[in-house]
Amino acid sequence: MTFPEDYLHPVGRGAVFIEHQHRHPRVDKSVYIAPTAVLCGEVTVGPHSRVLFGAVLTAEGGPVEVGAHCVLMEHTVLRGSRRHPVRLGDHVLVGPHAHLSGCVIDSNARVATGAMIYNGAHIGSGADVEFGAVVHVNTVVPPETVVPIGWFAGGDPVQLIPPQQWERIAEVMEPLNYRGTVFGVTEAPNEPAMTRIAQRYARALALHRYDENVIPELLGEPSDRV
């Protein structure tokens, strides 16, 4: 099905667009950005995609790239990091309250309400990450795979584990190195890891005090209509 888009209204009226670390959001002229959405830093949104109310797309040192015809529903969070950008292919649907950090989602995939996908994860084309499921760091979910409701996915090759099997989940999680992957922190004697994690994260986030609200760069031409 095709439909015309008239582009009579500016992209993202009322939304917040922020320059962070000298990089600013870039959005196609055909997108819809809801008034309460926030796009911060090196964020790109492709043609005919939709970013709904309360969604936050933030490039914390690494880009966030959204393809064409994607739908990011209410209160979705996409967070790119220096070592792990976020990249969504075309025709990706992300449900409300989903959290995607430093991951790659190939085209035609679905991430359902409340799902969490972490740094270094790769979701293959046509895969489904169901309601409340967790895809751990450095995990590869093959194309057309379904991660069931509330289940844990970890490793490469991936293991799909129900939430009741906590001991098995812990065994899979250990070698995937969550703290090192997400925060770049290793164990040290006589110092809680969380001390270094919090200090390191706080230093990085302090850069936001230099942010500026901006008008997004617009991509595409009005004649590029479906």
Protein backbone atom coordinates (compact mmCIF):
# COMPACT_ATOMS: atom_id res chain seq x y z
CA MET A 1 0.00 0.00 0.00
CA THR A 2 1.30 3.46 -0.90
CA PHE A 3 0.11 6.83 0.23
CA PRO A 4 1.11 10.45 -0.41
CA GLU A 5 2.67 12.62 2.27
CA ASP A 6 2.23 16.35 1.92
CA TYR A 7 5.03 17.66 4.18
CA LEU A 8 2.90 20.66 5.08
CA HIS A 9 4.13 20.64 8.68
CA PRO A 10 7.71 20.79 9.94
CA VAL A 11 9.30 17.54 11.08
CA GLY A 12 9.00 16.96 14.81
CA ARG A 13 7.10 20.04 15.94
CA GLY A 14 7.55 20.23 19.71
CA ALA A 15 10.11 17.41 19.84
CA VAL A 16 13.52 18.02 21.42
CA PHE A 17 16.57 17.86 19.15
CA ILE A 18 19.93 18.22 20.91
CA GLU A 19 23.48 18.72 19.70
CA HIS A 20 25.82 16.55 21.79
CA GLN A 21 29.59 16.39 21.39
CA HIS A 22 29.31 18.61 18.29
CA ARG A 23 26.95 16.17 16.54
CA HIS A 24 23.28 16.72 15.86
CA PRO A 25 20.22 14.70 14.76
CA ARG A 26 19.49 14.16 11.07
CA VAL A 27 15.98 13.12 10.02
CA ASP A 28 14.34 12.50 6.68
CA LYS A 29 11.67 15.02 5.69
CA SER A 30 9.08 12.23 5.53
CA VAL A 31 9.38 11.08 9.16
CA TYR A 32 7.03 11.75 12.05
CA ILE A 33 8.60 12.66 15.37
CA ALA A 34 6.12 13.02 18.26
CA PRO A 35 6.15 16.26 20.30
CA THR A 36 7.50 14.58 23.45
CA ALA A 37 10.27 12.56 21.76
CA VAL A 38 13.96 13.40 22.33
CA LEU A 39 16.76 12.91 19.79
CA CYS A 40 20.24 13.65 21.13
CA GLY A 41 23.54 13.69 19.28
CA GLU A 42 24.46 11.65 16.22
CA VAL A 43 21.00 10.24 15.52
CA THR A 44 19.73 9.51 12.01
CA VAL A 45 16.13 8.58 11.19
CA GLY A 46 15.40 7.24 7.71
CA PRO A 47 12.49 7.80 5.32
CA HIS A 48 8.90 7.29 6.48
CA SER A 49 9.86 6.16 9.98
CA ARG A 50 7.84 7.11 13.06
CA VAL A 51 9.12 8.01 16.53
CA LEU A 52 6.23 8.15 18.99
CA PHE A 53 5.53 9.88 22.29
CA GLY A 54 8.18 9.75 24.99
CA ALA A 55 10.75 7.90 22.87
CA VAL A 56 14.41 8.75 23.55
CA LEU A 57 17.16 8.23 20.96
CA THR A 58 20.50 9.22 22.43
CA ALA A 59 23.99 8.88 20.95
CA GLU A 60 26.28 8.61 23.96
CA GLY A 61 29.54 8.70 22.02
CA GLY A 62 28.33 6.38 19.24
CA PRO A 63 25.63 6.84 16.61
CA VAL A 64 22.01 5.74 16.54
CA GLU A 65 20.83 4.90 13.02
CA VAL A 66 17.20 4.08 12.19
CA GLY A 67 16.31 2.78 8.75
CA ALA A 68 13.27 3.35 6.56
CA HIS A 69 9.67 2.55 7.54
CA CYS A 70 10.59 1.83 11.16
CA VAL A 71 8.17 2.40 14.03
CA LEU A 72 9.53 3.23 17.50
CA MET A 73 6.57 3.20 19.84
CA GLU A 74 5.90 5.05 23.09
CA HIS A 75 8.77 5.36 25.60
CA THR A 76 11.21 3.33 23.54
CA VAL A 77 14.87 3.99 24.43
CA LEU A 78 17.71 3.61 21.90
CA ARG A 79 21.20 4.29 23.28
CA GLY A 80 24.38 4.20 21.20
CA SER A 81 27.81 4.02 22.82
CA ARG A 82 31.34 4.63 21.56
CA ARG A 83 32.10 0.95 21.09
CA HIS A 84 28.56 -0.13 20.27
CA PRO A 85 26.42 2.00 17.95
CA VAL A 86 22.72 1.24 17.53
CA ARG A 87 21.68 0.34 13.99
CA LEU A 88 18.15 -0.57 12.88
CA GLY A 89 17.50 -1.84 9.38
CA ASP A 90 14.36 -1.13 7.40
CA HIS A 91 10.84 -2.15 8.49
CA VAL A 92 11.72 -2.70 12.15
CA LEU A 93 8.96 -2.43 14.76
CA VAL A 94 9.95 -1.62 18.35
CA GLY A 95 7.20 -1.81 20.96
CA PRO A 96 6.49 0.52 23.90
CA HIS A 97 9.01 0.64 26.77
CA ALA A 98 11.57 -1.47 24.89
CA HIS A 99 15.22 -0.70 25.67
CA LEU A 100 17.88 -1.11 22.95
CA SER A 101 21.46 -0.34 23.93
CA GLY A 102 24.43 -0.68 21.58
CA CYS A 103 22.81 -3.34 19.39
CA VAL A 104 22.15 -4.09 15.73
CA ILE A 105 18.64 -5.01 14.57
CA ASP A 106 18.38 -6.25 11.00
CA SER A 107 15.48 -5.48 8.67
CA ASN A 108 11.98 -6.89 9.21
CA ALA A 109 12.63 -7.71 12.87
CA ARG A 110 10.23 -7.06 15.75
CA VAL A 111 11.10 -6.09 19.31
CA ALA A 112 8.00 -6.32 21.49
CA THR A 113 6.83 -4.29 24.48
CA GLY A 114 9.28 -4.16 27.38
CA ALA A 115 12.01 -6.20 25.69
CA MET A 116 15.66 -5.40 26.49
CA ILE A 117 18.57 -5.84 24.07
CA TYR A 118 22.09 -5.05 25.24
CA ASN A 119 25.47 -3.96 23.89
CA GLY A 120 27.06 -6.04 21.20
CA ALA A 121 23.87 -8.01 20.48
CA HIS A 122 22.79 -8.69 16.91
CA ILE A 123 19.19 -9.53 16.01
CA GLY A 124 18.84 -11.20 12.62
CA SER A 125 16.38 -10.36 9.87
CA GLY A 126 12.81 -11.41 10.58
CA ALA A 127 13.51 -12.33 14.21
CA ASP A 128 11.00 -11.70 17.01
CA VAL A 129 12.06 -10.65 20.51
CA GLU A 130 8.84 -11.10 22.43
CA PHE A 131 7.28 -9.21 25.36
CA GLY A 132 9.67 -8.71 28.26
CA ALA A 133 12.42 -10.88 26.77
CA VAL A 134 16.12 -10.13 27.43
CA VAL A 135 18.89 -10.46 24.85
CA HIS A 136 22.18 -10.25 26.74
CA VAL A 137 25.44 -8.62 25.66
CA ASN A 138 27.41 -10.08 22.72
CA THR A 139 24.53 -12.38 21.77
CA VAL A 140 23.58 -13.27 18.19
CA VAL A 141 19.92 -14.11 17.52
CA PRO A 142 19.74 -15.76 14.07
CA PRO A 143 17.26 -14.66 11.40
CA GLU A 144 13.63 -15.75 11.89
CA THR A 145 14.32 -16.83 15.51
CA VAL A 146 11.71 -16.16 18.19
CA VAL A 147 12.84 -15.28 21.72
CA PRO A 148 9.72 -16.26 23.73
CA ILE A 149 7.83 -14.04 26.14
CA GLY A 150 9.96 -13.28 29.21
CA TRP A 151 12.81 -15.58 28.18
CA PHE A 152 16.58 -14.95 28.27
CA ALA A 153 18.74 -15.16 25.14
CA GLY A 154 22.51 -15.38 25.55
CA GLY A 155 25.61 -16.36 23.63
CA ASP A 156 26.72 -17.18 20.11
CA PRO A 157 25.34 -19.66 19.26
CA VAL A 158 22.38 -18.34 21.19
CA GLN A 159 20.79 -20.24 24.06
CA LEU A 160 17.13 -19.55 24.81
CA ILE A 161 16.34 -20.11 28.49
CA PRO A 162 13.08 -19.68 30.46
CA PRO A 163 13.25 -17.27 33.41
CA GLN A 164 12.80 -20.03 36.02
CA GLN A 165 16.22 -21.53 35.13
CA TRP A 166 18.27 -18.85 36.86
CA GLU A 167 21.36 -21.00 37.49
CA ARG A 168 21.59 -21.84 33.79
CA ILE A 169 21.10 -18.18 32.88
CA ALA A 170 23.93 -17.20 35.25
CA GLU A 171 26.25 -19.75 33.63
CA VAL A 172 25.58 -18.32 30.17
CA MET A 173 25.93 -14.72 31.35
CA GLU A 174 29.32 -15.08 33.03
CA PRO A 175 31.57 -15.41 29.94
CA LEU A 176 29.65 -12.75 28.03
CA ASN A 177 31.22 -10.09 30.30
CA TYR A 178 28.43 -7.58 30.90
CA ARG A 179 30.50 -5.12 32.97
CA GLY A 180 33.42 -5.09 30.56
CA THR A 181 31.22 -4.84 27.47
CA VAL A 182 28.89 -2.09 28.68
CA PHE A 183 31.12 -0.09 31.03
CA GLY A 184 34.69 -1.10 30.11
CA VAL A 185 35.34 -2.10 33.71
CA THR A 186 37.12 -5.21 34.97
CA GLU A 187 37.33 -6.65 38.47
CA ALA A 188 39.86 -5.04 40.81
CA PRO A 189 40.91 -6.09 44.34
CA ASN A 190 39.64 -4.09 47.29
CA GLU A 191 37.35 -1.87 45.22
CA PRO A 192 33.71 -2.50 44.34
CA ALA A 193 33.19 -2.61 40.59
CA MET A 194 30.15 -0.40 40.97
CA THR A 195 32.32 2.40 42.38
CA ARG A 196 34.33 2.58 39.16
CA ILE A 197 31.26 2.05 36.97
CA ALA A 198 29.36 4.92 38.59
CA GLN A 199 32.35 7.27 38.49
CA ARG A 200 33.15 6.47 34.87
CA TYR A 201 29.54 6.80 33.76
CA ALA A 202 29.10 10.07 35.66
CA ARG A 203 32.18 11.57 33.97
CA ALA A 204 30.87 10.65 30.53
CA LEU A 205 27.38 11.97 31.20
CA ALA A 206 28.80 15.27 32.49
CA LEU A 207 29.42 16.19 28.84
CA HIS A 208 25.70 16.81 28.50
CA ARG A 209 26.09 20.12 30.33
CA TYR A 210 27.51 21.49 27.05
CA ASP A 211 24.53 20.34 24.95
CA GLU A 212 22.48 22.77 22.87
CA ASN A 213 18.96 22.50 21.51
CA VAL A 214 19.04 22.65 17.71
CA ILE A 215 16.89 22.36 14.61
CA PRO A 216 17.49 18.92 13.05
CA GLU A 217 19.20 18.56 9.70
CA LEU A 218 16.59 17.43 7.16
CA LEU A 219 17.35 14.70 4.66
CA GLY A 220 15.64 13.82 1.39
CA GLU A 221 13.55 15.88 -1.00
CA PRO A 222 9.82 16.57 -0.91
CA SER A 223 9.47 14.70 -4.21
CA ASP A 224 10.74 11.47 -2.56
CA ARG A 225 7.29 10.18 -1.72
CA VAL A 226 5.86 6.69 -1.64
